[in-house]
Amino acid sequence: MAHVARAAFDLNGFSAEYVELSGAEPYDFRSRGENHYLALHDITLTDGELSVDGLPTLHKKDLRDTITFVPKGCGIEGWCQPQPRTNRFVAMYFDPKAIREDLAGRYSERDPAPFAYSRDPQLRVTLKKLETVLRAPHVDELHAESVCLLASLEVFGVMADRQGRLSDRQIAAVTDYVEGHLQATVGLAELAAVAGLSRFHFSRAFKATTGENPHSFVQRRRISRAVTLLAQVDLPIDAIAGAVGYKGTPQFRRAFHEVMGTSPLKYRLQR
């Protein structure tokens, strides 16, 4: 195994490295780190084995775009037979006690559980940004620290998602997207993309987090905006219907009654 390239960063509770490996010689590894470990892999193997405390032993060979998280004090060991290609990974190390204020409500005295060779689109994007920063001719420490902080926050979001729920960041992003597109058609695919999940995963996680399905959430947001617009007595009902994304007044009336228990006109007159 030969190290083709290595870049590193170490500042304010974070350290990170980007490593390229060449050669097909097998190697083994064993570690029980003092910090949390998070890595994005671009590696393919002829064979290999990974054991992490608390997880079943894995024999996955295509590790491209997979993510591994090992909390501090958790043991990890295994061996690899790399394929003859340039394999690479970006890894970061952090101790949440050093950034407790940044983690806020996501911080816990109990370390989060490990996961190995998982796929999370949003976290992958963040770690790819970290890779780009580390591979630059000169590492921008502020940029690197900011990306590491974002990744650490997202790890805690990933852990929440593994329990079937969306993170605060994902909920905020989806809400902002909906509020900015109330006049347009909002599809499940768009909402799932904002959260960085598949449509199926997003639907389940959204319901588990908010107690309602995505359609009900969007409809409630549309009607909430409509209620505000109804206060403008010179604005016709059909204009309000279009302004909040309904294709016609009948559809708007049905949705409004479903949420508010009355018609838009009666609601306006009662105000």
Protein backbone atom coordinates (compact mmCIF):
# COMPACT_ATOMS: atom_id res chain seq x y z
CA MET A 1 0.00 0.00 0.00
CA ALA A 2 1.52 3.36 -1.03
CA HIS A 3 0.42 6.83 0.00
CA VAL A 4 0.06 8.87 -3.18
CA ALA A 5 -1.14 12.06 -1.56
CA ARG A 6 -2.05 13.30 1.88
CA ALA A 7 -3.35 16.63 3.09
CA ALA A 8 -4.22 17.46 6.69
CA PHE A 9 -5.90 20.11 8.84
CA ASP A 10 -6.00 20.51 12.65
CA LEU A 11 -7.74 23.40 14.42
CA ASN A 12 -10.19 24.12 17.26
CA GLY A 13 -11.27 20.60 18.09
CA PHE A 14 -11.27 19.36 14.50
CA SER A 15 -8.72 17.53 12.42
CA ALA A 16 -9.15 16.15 8.94
CA GLU A 17 -7.16 14.44 6.24
CA TYR A 18 -7.48 13.51 2.60
CA VAL A 19 -5.56 10.41 1.56
CA GLU A 20 -4.99 8.74 -1.80
CA LEU A 21 -3.73 5.15 -1.83
CA SER A 22 -2.17 3.20 -4.66
CA GLY A 23 -1.25 -0.44 -5.00
CA ALA A 24 -3.14 -3.64 -4.40
CA GLU A 25 -1.23 -4.96 -1.39
CA PRO A 26 -3.53 -6.16 1.41
CA TYR A 27 -3.40 -4.40 4.75
CA ASP A 28 -5.09 -4.64 8.11
CA PHE A 29 -6.05 -2.04 10.71
CA ARG A 30 -7.17 -1.73 14.31
CA SER A 31 -8.10 1.35 16.30
CA ARG A 32 -9.94 2.64 19.37
CA GLY A 33 -9.75 6.37 18.93
CA GLU A 34 -9.89 9.23 21.41
CA ASN A 35 -12.13 11.25 19.08
CA HIS A 36 -15.16 10.64 16.89
CA TYR A 37 -14.18 9.47 13.40
CA LEU A 38 -16.14 10.27 10.24
CA ALA A 39 -15.03 9.24 6.74
CA LEU A 40 -16.26 9.29 3.16
CA HIS A 41 -14.82 6.45 1.09
CA ASP A 42 -13.99 6.18 -2.59
CA ILE A 43 -12.55 2.67 -2.36
CA THR A 44 -13.14 -0.63 -4.12
CA LEU A 45 -11.87 -3.94 -2.75
CA THR A 46 -11.20 -7.39 -4.09
CA ASP A 47 -12.01 -8.64 -0.61
CA GLY A 48 -12.11 -7.35 2.93
CA GLU A 49 -13.73 -7.37 6.33
CA LEU A 50 -14.77 -4.65 8.77
CA SER A 51 -15.73 -5.09 12.42
CA VAL A 52 -17.03 -2.21 14.54
CA ASP A 53 -18.13 -2.60 18.15
CA GLY A 54 -21.89 -2.99 18.24
CA LEU A 55 -22.28 -3.69 14.51
CA PRO A 56 -22.34 -6.93 12.51
CA THR A 57 -19.15 -7.77 10.61
CA LEU A 58 -19.26 -6.41 7.06
CA HIS A 59 -17.68 -7.82 3.90
CA LYS A 60 -18.68 -5.05 1.46
CA LYS A 61 -16.41 -4.57 -1.56
CA ASP A 62 -17.72 -1.45 -3.29
CA LEU A 63 -17.21 1.33 -0.78
CA ARG A 64 -17.61 4.23 -3.18
CA ASP A 65 -19.75 7.07 -1.77
CA THR A 66 -20.18 5.27 1.56
CA ILE A 67 -19.78 6.89 4.97
CA THR A 68 -18.53 5.45 8.24
CA PHE A 69 -18.89 6.97 11.68
CA VAL A 70 -17.10 5.54 14.73
CA PRO A 71 -17.57 7.31 18.09
CA LYS A 72 -14.61 7.81 20.38
CA GLY A 73 -13.70 4.76 22.40
CA CYS A 74 -15.45 2.44 19.95
CA GLY A 75 -13.24 -0.32 18.56
CA ILE A 76 -12.79 -0.84 14.83
CA GLU A 77 -10.66 -3.43 13.04
CA GLY A 78 -10.48 -5.30 9.77
CA TRP A 79 -8.46 -5.97 6.67
CA CYS A 80 -8.61 -4.98 2.99
CA GLN A 81 -7.45 -6.28 -0.35
CA PRO A 82 -7.69 -3.14 -2.54
CA GLN A 83 -8.41 -3.27 -6.23
CA PRO A 84 -5.55 -1.91 -8.38
CA ARG A 85 -6.86 1.64 -8.74
CA THR A 86 -6.37 4.94 -6.98
CA ASN A 87 -8.42 4.55 -3.84
CA ARG A 88 -9.08 7.57 -1.65
CA PHE A 89 -10.90 8.76 1.41
CA VAL A 90 -11.51 11.94 3.36
CA ALA A 91 -11.76 11.66 7.14
CA MET A 92 -12.36 14.02 10.02
CA TYR A 93 -11.90 13.60 13.76
CA PHE A 94 -13.71 15.58 16.43
CA ASP A 95 -14.61 15.58 20.10
CA PRO A 96 -18.15 16.95 20.64
CA LYS A 97 -17.14 18.20 24.11
CA ALA A 98 -14.90 20.71 22.37
CA ILE A 99 -17.82 22.04 20.33
CA ARG A 100 -20.71 21.53 22.76
CA GLU A 101 -22.08 25.03 22.20
CA ASP A 102 -22.15 24.52 18.44
CA LEU A 103 -23.94 21.18 18.74
CA ALA A 104 -26.50 22.72 21.12
CA GLY A 105 -29.51 20.41 21.56
CA ARG A 106 -27.89 17.68 19.50
CA TYR A 107 -25.11 17.25 22.04
CA SER A 108 -25.43 14.36 24.46
CA GLU A 109 -23.15 13.06 27.14
CA ARG A 110 -23.73 9.61 25.66
CA ASP A 111 -21.85 9.08 22.42
CA PRO A 112 -23.98 8.40 19.32
CA ALA A 113 -23.97 4.89 17.89
CA PRO A 114 -21.59 3.91 15.07
CA PHE A 115 -22.60 3.24 11.48
CA ALA A 116 -20.53 1.78 8.65
CA TYR A 117 -20.67 1.99 4.86
CA SER A 118 -23.91 3.97 4.98
CA ARG A 119 -25.18 6.36 2.32
CA ASP A 120 -26.48 9.82 3.18
CA PRO A 121 -26.60 12.28 0.25
CA GLN A 122 -26.46 15.45 2.33
CA LEU A 123 -23.57 14.30 4.49
CA ARG A 124 -21.77 13.08 1.37
CA VAL A 125 -22.04 16.58 -0.16
CA THR A 126 -20.55 18.13 2.96
CA LEU A 127 -17.66 15.68 3.12
CA LYS A 128 -16.96 16.22 -0.59
CA LYS A 129 -16.68 19.93 0.21
CA LEU A 130 -14.16 19.05 2.89
CA GLU A 131 -12.22 16.98 0.37
CA THR A 132 -12.13 19.95 -2.02
CA VAL A 133 -10.83 22.24 0.74
CA LEU A 134 -8.11 19.77 1.73
CA ARG A 135 -7.03 19.17 -1.85
CA ALA A 136 -6.56 22.87 -2.58
CA PRO A 137 -2.95 24.10 -2.89
CA HIS A 138 -3.35 25.91 0.42
CA VAL A 139 -5.89 24.82 3.02
CA ASP A 140 -8.24 27.65 3.95
CA GLU A 141 -8.50 27.01 7.69
CA LEU A 142 -11.68 29.04 8.19
CA HIS A 143 -13.37 27.20 5.36
CA ALA A 144 -12.13 23.83 6.59
CA GLU A 145 -13.28 24.53 10.15
CA SER A 146 -16.71 25.64 8.93
CA VAL A 147 -17.18 22.52 6.84
CA CYS A 148 -16.03 20.30 9.71
CA LEU A 149 -18.54 21.97 12.01
CA LEU A 150 -21.32 21.46 9.49
CA ALA A 151 -20.37 17.81 9.10
CA SER A 152 -20.37 17.30 12.87
CA LEU A 153 -23.87 18.78 13.10
CA GLU A 154 -25.03 16.58 10.26
CA VAL A 155 -23.67 13.48 11.95
CA PHE A 156 -26.08 14.12 14.77
CA GLY A 157 -28.79 14.65 12.18
CA VAL A 158 -27.88 11.31 10.59
CA MET A 159 -28.19 9.65 13.98
CA ALA A 160 -31.63 11.18 14.43
CA ASP A 161 -32.58 9.97 10.98
CA ARG A 162 -31.45 6.45 11.84
CA GLN A 163 -34.17 6.56 14.50
CA GLY A 164 -36.71 7.40 11.79
CA ARG A 165 -36.75 11.16 12.19
CA LEU A 166 -35.50 14.20 10.30
CA SER A 167 -32.94 16.55 11.80
CA ASP A 168 -33.77 20.15 12.70
CA ARG A 169 -31.69 21.23 9.71
CA GLN A 170 -33.71 19.08 7.33
CA ILE A 171 -37.04 20.30 8.74
CA ALA A 172 -35.92 23.92 8.44
CA ALA A 173 -34.74 23.40 4.86
CA VAL A 174 -38.01 21.73 3.83
CA THR A 175 -40.08 24.44 5.53
CA ASP A 176 -38.11 27.21 3.83
CA TYR A 177 -38.53 25.51 0.47
CA VAL A 178 -42.29 25.12 0.89
CA GLU A 179 -42.73 28.73 2.04
CA GLY A 180 -40.82 29.92 -1.00
CA HIS A 181 -42.88 27.82 -3.44
CA LEU A 182 -46.47 28.11 -2.18
CA GLN A 183 -47.62 29.51 -5.52
CA ALA A 184 -46.04 26.66 -7.48
CA THR A 185 -46.50 22.92 -7.66
CA VAL A 186 -44.56 21.27 -4.85
CA GLY A 187 -43.79 17.60 -5.46
CA LEU A 188 -42.56 14.89 -3.14
CA ALA A 189 -39.39 14.49 -5.21
CA GLU A 190 -38.48 18.14 -4.66
CA LEU A 191 -39.06 17.96 -0.92
CA ALA A 192 -37.09 14.73 -0.63
CA ALA A 193 -34.21 16.27 -2.58
CA VAL A 194 -34.12 19.24 -0.20
CA ALA A 195 -33.80 16.81 2.72
CA GLY A 196 -31.24 14.69 0.85
CA LEU A 197 -33.32 11.52 1.01
CA SER A 198 -35.22 9.19 -1.28
CA ARG A 199 -38.96 9.86 -1.64
CA PHE A 200 -39.84 6.76 0.38
CA HIS A 201 -37.39 7.48 3.18
CA PHE A 202 -38.39 11.13 3.31
CA SER A 203 -42.10 10.38 3.55
CA ARG A 204 -41.63 8.01 6.46
CA ALA A 205 -39.14 10.24 8.28
CA PHE A 206 -41.24 13.36 7.76
CA LYS A 207 -44.35 11.71 9.24
CA ALA A 208 -42.34 10.37 12.17
CA THR A 209 -40.93 13.84 12.87
CA THR A 210 -43.93 16.13 12.35
CA GLY A 211 -46.88 13.81 12.87
CA GLU A 212 -48.32 14.61 9.44
CA ASN A 213 -47.59 13.57 5.88
CA PRO A 214 -45.86 15.96 3.44
CA HIS A 215 -49.07 16.71 1.55
CA SER A 216 -50.90 17.76 4.71
CA PHE A 217 -47.96 19.90 5.74
CA VAL A 218 -47.87 21.73 2.41
CA GLN A 219 -51.64 22.17 2.42
CA ARG A 220 -51.58 23.59 5.93
CA ARG A 221 -48.86 26.05 4.91
CA ARG A 222 -50.88 27.09 1.85
CA ILE A 223 -53.99 27.69 3.93
CA SER A 224 -52.03 29.59 6.55
CA ARG A 225 -50.86 31.96 3.81
CA ALA A 226 -54.42 32.17 2.47
CA VAL A 227 -55.70 33.20 5.91
CA THR A 228 -53.26 36.11 5.88
CA LEU A 229 -54.34 37.13 2.39
CA LEU A 230 -58.04 36.95 3.29
CA ALA A 231 -57.46 39.90 5.60
CA GLN A 232 -56.98 41.97 2.45
CA VAL A 233 -60.68 42.44 1.72
CA ASP A 234 -60.07 43.87 -1.75
CA LEU A 235 -58.30 40.67 -2.91
CA PRO A 236 -60.71 38.30 -4.71
CA ILE A 237 -61.03 34.71 -3.51
CA ASP A 238 -59.94 33.32 -6.89
CA ALA A 239 -56.80 35.49 -6.80
CA ILE A 240 -55.96 34.14 -3.35
CA ALA A 241 -56.48 30.59 -4.62
CA GLY A 242 -53.88 31.14 -7.34
CA ALA A 243 -51.50 32.90 -4.98
CA VAL A 244 -51.31 29.85 -2.72
CA GLY A 245 -50.94 27.25 -5.44
CA TYR A 246 -54.47 26.01 -6.16
CA LYS A 247 -55.53 25.54 -9.76
CA GLY A 248 -59.05 26.81 -9.20
CA THR A 249 -61.41 28.25 -6.62
CA PRO A 250 -63.31 24.95 -6.04
CA GLN A 251 -60.10 23.12 -5.18
CA PHE A 252 -59.10 25.96 -2.88
CA ARG A 253 -62.49 25.96 -1.14
CA ARG A 254 -62.28 22.23 -0.45
CA ALA A 255 -58.77 22.47 0.95
CA PHE A 256 -59.63 25.52 3.04
CA HIS A 257 -62.71 23.84 4.52
CA GLU A 258 -60.69 20.71 5.28
CA VAL A 259 -58.18 22.71 7.31
CA MET A 260 -60.31 25.51 8.76
CA GLY A 261 -63.76 23.88 8.93
CA THR A 262 -65.41 26.69 6.99
CA SER A 263 -65.33 28.31 3.55
CA PRO A 264 -62.94 31.13 2.64
CA LEU A 265 -65.80 33.58 2.22
CA LYS A 266 -67.40 32.74 5.57
CA TYR A 267 -64.02 32.97 7.24
CA ARG A 268 -63.48 36.45 5.73
CA LEU A 269 -66.92 37.65 6.83
CA GLN A 270 -66.35 36.32 10.37
CA ARG A 271 -63.18 38.31 10.65
